[in-house]
C-alpha atoms as a PDB file:
ATOM      1  CA  MET A   1       0.000   0.000   0.000  1.00  0.00           C
ATOM      2  CA  LEU A   2       2.829   2.384   0.827  1.00  0.00           C
ATOM      3  CA  SER A   3       4.511   1.563  -2.448  1.00  0.00           C
ATOM      4  CA  ASN A   4       1.307   2.251  -4.377  1.00  0.00           C
ATOM      5  CA  LYS A   5       0.772   5.525  -2.548  1.00  0.00           C
ATOM      6  CA  ARG A   6       4.340   6.578  -3.302  1.00  0.00           C
ATOM      7  CA  ILE A   7       3.877   5.723  -6.993  1.00  0.00           C
ATOM      8  CA  GLN A   8       0.686   7.791  -7.052  1.00  0.00           C
ATOM      9  CA  GLU A   9       2.530  10.703  -5.475  1.00  0.00           C
ATOM     10  CA  LEU A  10       5.266  10.464  -8.089  1.00  0.00           C
ATOM     11  CA  GLU A  11       2.639  10.407 -10.834  1.00  0.00           C
ATOM     12  CA  LEU A  12       1.109  13.527  -9.339  1.00  0.00           C
ATOM     13  CA  VAL A  13       4.484  15.243  -9.339  1.00  0.00           C
ATOM     14  CA  MET A  14       4.876  14.392 -13.019  1.00  0.00           C
ATOM     15  CA  ASP A  15       1.350  15.690 -13.685  1.00  0.00           C
ATOM     16  CA  PHE A  16       2.172  18.821 -11.747  1.00  0.00           C
ATOM     17  CA  GLU A  17       5.106  19.541 -14.047  1.00  0.00           C
ATOM     18  CA  LYS A  18       2.762  19.437 -17.056  1.00  0.00           C
ATOM     19  CA  VAL A  19       0.228  21.663 -15.321  1.00  0.00           C
ATOM     20  CA  GLU A  20       2.961  24.010 -14.165  1.00  0.00           C
ATOM     21  CA  GLU A  21       4.193  24.426 -17.740  1.00  0.00           C
ATOM     22  CA  CYS A  22       0.687  25.296 -18.926  1.00  0.00           C
ATOM     23  CA  PHE A  23       0.128  27.600 -15.977  1.00  0.00           C
ATOM     24  CA  LYS A  24       3.434  29.396 -16.554  1.00  0.00           C
ATOM     25  CA  GLU A  25       2.090  30.507 -19.917  1.00  0.00           C
ATOM     26  CA  VAL A  26      -1.203  31.632 -18.361  1.00  0.00           C
ATOM     27  CA  SER A  27       0.580  33.337 -15.467  1.00  0.00           C
ATOM     28  CA  SER A  28       2.993  35.106 -17.785  1.00  0.00           C
ATOM     29  CA  TRP A  29       0.110  36.447 -19.875  1.00  0.00           C
ATOM     30  CA  ILE A  30      -1.741  37.599 -16.759  1.00  0.00           C
ATOM     31  CA  GLU A  31       1.295  39.465 -15.431  1.00  0.00           C
ATOM     32  CA  ASN A  32       2.581  40.911 -18.710  1.00  0.00           C
ATOM     33  CA  VAL A  33      -0.649  41.665 -20.556  1.00  0.00           C
ATOM     34  CA  GLY A  34      -3.758  41.036 -18.480  1.00  0.00           C
ATOM     35  CA  ARG A  35      -3.091  43.198 -15.447  1.00  0.00           C
ATOM     36  CA  LYS A  36      -1.865  46.101 -17.591  1.00  0.00           C
ATOM     37  CA  ARG A  37      -4.998  46.028 -19.714  1.00  0.00           C
ATOM     38  CA  LEU A  38      -7.221  45.876 -16.632  1.00  0.00           C
ATOM     39  CA  LYS A  39      -5.480  48.957 -15.227  1.00  0.00           C
ATOM     40  CA  GLU A  40      -6.062  50.792 -18.512  1.00  0.00           C
ATOM     41  CA  THR A  41      -9.824  50.343 -18.185  1.00  0.00           C
ATOM     42  CA  ILE A  42      -9.935  51.933 -14.744  1.00  0.00           C
ATOM     43  CA  ASN A  43      -9.444  55.493 -16.000  1.00  0.00           C
ATOM     44  CA  THR A  44     -12.089  56.492 -18.506  1.00  0.00           C
ATOM     45  CA  ASP A  45     -13.117  59.860 -19.889  1.00  0.00           C
ATOM     46  CA  ASP A  46     -16.377  61.531 -19.047  1.00  0.00           C
ATOM     47  CA  SER A  47     -18.145  61.029 -22.364  1.00  0.00           C
ATOM     48  CA  LEU A  48     -20.514  58.324 -23.505  1.00  0.00           C
ATOM     49  CA  GLU A  49     -18.734  57.938 -26.838  1.00  0.00           C
ATOM     50  CA  THR A  50     -15.376  57.325 -25.184  1.00  0.00           C
ATOM     51  CA  LEU A  51     -16.901  54.915 -22.700  1.00  0.00           C
ATOM     52  CA  VAL A  52     -18.618  52.926 -25.472  1.00  0.00           C
ATOM     53  CA  GLN A  53     -15.259  52.693 -27.261  1.00  0.00           C
ATOM     54  CA  VAL A  54     -13.609  51.492 -24.038  1.00  0.00           C
ATOM     55  CA  GLN A  55     -16.364  48.907 -23.652  1.00  0.00           C
ATOM     56  CA  LYS A  56     -15.819  47.661 -27.203  1.00  0.00           C
ATOM     57  CA  GLN A  57     -12.064  47.342 -26.635  1.00  0.00           C
ATOM     58  CA  PHE A  58     -12.664  45.657 -23.297  1.00  0.00           C
ATOM     59  CA  LYS A  59     -14.967  43.078 -24.892  1.00  0.00           C
ATOM     60  CA  GLU A  60     -12.179  42.118 -27.308  1.00  0.00           C
ATOM     61  CA  PHE A  61      -9.716  41.863 -24.422  1.00  0.00           C
ATOM     62  CA  ASP A  62     -12.296  40.006 -22.312  1.00  0.00           C
ATOM     63  CA  LEU A  63     -12.590  37.229 -24.905  1.00  0.00           C
ATOM     64  CA  ILE A  64      -8.847  36.602 -24.796  1.00  0.00           C
ATOM     65  CA  ALA A  65      -8.603  36.988 -21.006  1.00  0.00           C
ATOM     66  CA  SER A  66     -11.532  34.627 -20.453  1.00  0.00           C
ATOM     67  CA  GLU A  67      -9.804  32.029 -22.613  1.00  0.00           C
ATOM     68  CA  TYR A  68      -6.650  32.279 -20.480  1.00  0.00           C
ATOM     69  CA  CYS A  69      -8.757  32.018 -17.317  1.00  0.00           C
ATOM     70  CA  ARG A  70     -10.501  28.943 -18.698  1.00  0.00           C
ATOM     71  CA  ARG A  71      -7.191  27.300 -19.638  1.00  0.00           C
ATOM     72  CA  GLY A  72      -5.755  28.048 -16.209  1.00  0.00           C
ATOM     73  CA  GLN A  73      -8.824  26.676 -14.456  1.00  0.00           C
ATOM     74  CA  GLU A  74      -8.757  23.508 -16.565  1.00  0.00           C
ATOM     75  CA  ALA A  75      -5.085  22.994 -15.748  1.00  0.00           C
ATOM     76  CA  LEU A  76      -5.726  23.487 -12.035  1.00  0.00           C
ATOM     77  CA  LYS A  77      -8.763  21.206 -12.123  1.00  0.00           C
ATOM     78  CA  LYS A  78      -6.491  18.360 -13.189  1.00  0.00           C
ATOM     79  CA  MET A  79      -4.753  18.729  -9.861  1.00  0.00           C
ATOM     80  CA  ASP A  80      -7.902  18.442  -7.699  1.00  0.00           C
ATOM     81  CA  ARG A  81      -6.940  14.961  -6.612  1.00  0.00           C
ATOM     82  CA  TRP A  82      -3.946  16.433  -4.751  1.00  0.00           C
ATOM     83  CA  GLU A  83      -6.295  17.151  -1.892  1.00  0.00           C
ATOM     84  CA  ASP A  84      -6.074  13.487  -0.881  1.00  0.00           C
ATOM     85  CA  PHE A  85      -2.299  13.518  -0.428  1.00  0.00           C
ATOM     86  CA  SER A  86      -0.700  14.921   2.672  1.00  0.00           C
ATOM     87  CA  SER A  87       2.875  13.715   2.470  1.00  0.00           C
ATOM     88  CA  VAL A  88       5.732  16.127   3.099  1.00  0.00           C
ATOM     89  CA  ASP A  89       7.102  15.514  -0.408  1.00  0.00           C
ATOM     90  CA  VAL A  90       3.861  16.683  -1.978  1.00  0.00           C
ATOM     91  CA  HIS A  91       3.416  19.669   0.353  1.00  0.00           C
ATOM     92  CA  SER A  92       5.763  22.006  -1.546  1.00  0.00           C
ATOM     93  CA  TYR A  93       3.869  21.273  -4.760  1.00  0.00           C
ATOM     94  CA  ARG A  94       0.564  21.960  -3.041  1.00  0.00           C
ATOM     95  CA  VAL A  95       1.888  25.344  -1.913  1.00  0.00           C
ATOM     96  CA  LYS A  96       2.894  26.172  -5.499  1.00  0.00           C
ATOM     97  CA  LEU A  97      -0.468  24.983  -6.723  1.00  0.00           C
ATOM     98  CA  GLN A  98      -2.297  27.167  -4.204  1.00  0.00           C
ATOM     99  CA  THR A  99      -0.245  30.189  -5.284  1.00  0.00           C
ATOM    100  CA  CYS A 100      -1.224  29.554  -8.907  1.00  0.00           C
ATOM    101  CA  LYS A 101      -4.859  29.136  -7.918  1.00  0.00           C
ATOM    102  CA  ASP A 102      -4.847  32.369  -5.907  1.00  0.00           C
ATOM    103  CA  GLN A 103      -3.286  34.339  -8.772  1.00  0.00           C
ATOM    104  CA  LEU A 104      -5.814  33.008 -11.256  1.00  0.00           C
ATOM    105  CA  GLU A 105      -8.802  33.604  -8.974  1.00  0.00           C
ATOM    106  CA  GLU A 106      -7.691  37.165  -8.264  1.00  0.00           C
ATOM    107  CA  PHE A 107      -7.294  37.976 -11.951  1.00  0.00           C
ATOM    108  CA  CYS A 108     -10.605  36.353 -12.926  1.00  0.00           C
ATOM    109  CA  THR A 109     -12.375  38.269 -10.151  1.00  0.00           C
ATOM    110  CA  GLN A 110     -10.860  41.563 -11.317  1.00  0.00           C
ATOM    111  CA  LEU A 111     -11.874  40.752 -14.880  1.00  0.00           C
ATOM    112  CA  ASP A 112     -15.473  40.099 -13.786  1.00  0.00           C
ATOM    113  CA  GLU A 113     -15.554  43.279 -11.709  1.00  0.00           C
ATOM    114  CA  ASN A 114     -14.240  45.410 -14.577  1.00  0.00           C
ATOM    115  CA  ARG A 115     -16.716  43.834 -17.009  1.00  0.00           C
ATOM    116  CA  HIS A 116     -19.584  44.652 -14.645  1.00  0.00           C
ATOM    117  CA  ARG A 117     -18.288  48.150 -13.847  1.00  0.00           C
ATOM    118  CA  ILE A 118     -17.899  49.134 -17.504  1.00  0.00           C
ATOM    119  CA  CYS A 119     -21.337  47.783 -18.375  1.00  0.00           C
ATOM    120  CA  GLU A 120     -22.932  49.691 -15.509  1.00  0.00           C
ATOM    121  CA  MET A 121     -21.075  52.886 -16.416  1.00  0.00           C
ATOM    122  CA  VAL A 122     -22.291  52.678 -20.017  1.00  0.00           C
ATOM    123  CA  ARG A 123     -25.869  52.130 -18.835  1.00  0.00           C
ATOM    124  CA  LEU A 124     -25.581  55.052 -16.428  1.00  0.00           C
ATOM    125  CA  TYR A 125     -24.123  57.366 -19.061  1.00  0.00           C
ATOM    126  CA  GLU A 126     -26.841  56.345 -21.530  1.00  0.00           C
ATOM    127  CA  PHE A 127     -29.466  57.114 -18.894  1.00  0.00           C
ATOM    128  CA  PHE A 128     -27.974  60.530 -18.154  1.00  0.00           C
ATOM    129  CA  ASP A 129     -27.735  61.232 -21.876  1.00  0.00           C
ATOM    130  CA  LYS A 130     -31.464  60.497 -22.270  1.00  0.00           C
ATOM    131  CA  VAL A 131     -32.267  62.670 -19.248  1.00  0.00           C
ATOM    132  CA  ARG A 132     -30.152  65.498 -20.668  1.00  0.00           C
ATOM    133  CA  GLN A 133     -31.932  65.195 -24.031  1.00  0.00           C
ATOM    134  CA  GLY A 134     -35.291  65.221 -22.268  1.00  0.00           C
ATOM    135  CA  ILE A 135     -34.369  68.350 -20.338  1.00  0.00           C
ATOM    136  CA  CYS A 136     -33.232  70.077 -23.526  1.00  0.00           C
ATOM    137  CA  CYS A 137     -36.520  69.175 -25.266  1.00  0.00           C
ATOM    138  CA  MET A 138     -38.479  70.393 -22.270  1.00  0.00           C
ATOM    139  CA  GLU A 139     -36.570  73.701 -22.214  1.00  0.00           C
ATOM    140  CA  GLU A 140     -37.271  74.200 -25.922  1.00  0.00           C
ATOM    141  CA  GLY A 141     -40.962  73.522 -25.300  1.00  0.00           C
ATOM    142  CA  VAL A 142     -41.043  76.052 -22.462  1.00  0.00           C
ATOM    143  CA  ARG A 143     -39.320  78.686 -24.625  1.00  0.00           C
ATOM    144  CA  SER A 144     -41.757  78.248 -27.469  1.00  0.00           C
END
């Protein structure tokens, strides 16, 4: 039984190396591209036209970012069975795995928050634009 458990642990270590290689690519993209693009969407101008353009650009970025998130989550899902192993040899890999998971979750959460924030800002600006147009029409009616 000990021999079988040790073989399983070694197989997990080999699996981890494959997952780690995949996650390095995802992690590199998150750090070098993803986070920078998310920061760019934080500062937006005060016009509806500019905000709609930002939303369009964000949607293009969101497609790519969501694909990286999905790939990272699939890679990490392969390592779910690590939960059953508690040996000291596997512990360092579990720590690395948790770090990867935390990084991915943080980025995916920020992506979701930015998606929601931009959508809400566009809706709010569209509402204010309609209100402003209504006020202008009302003022013209009062003048005439």
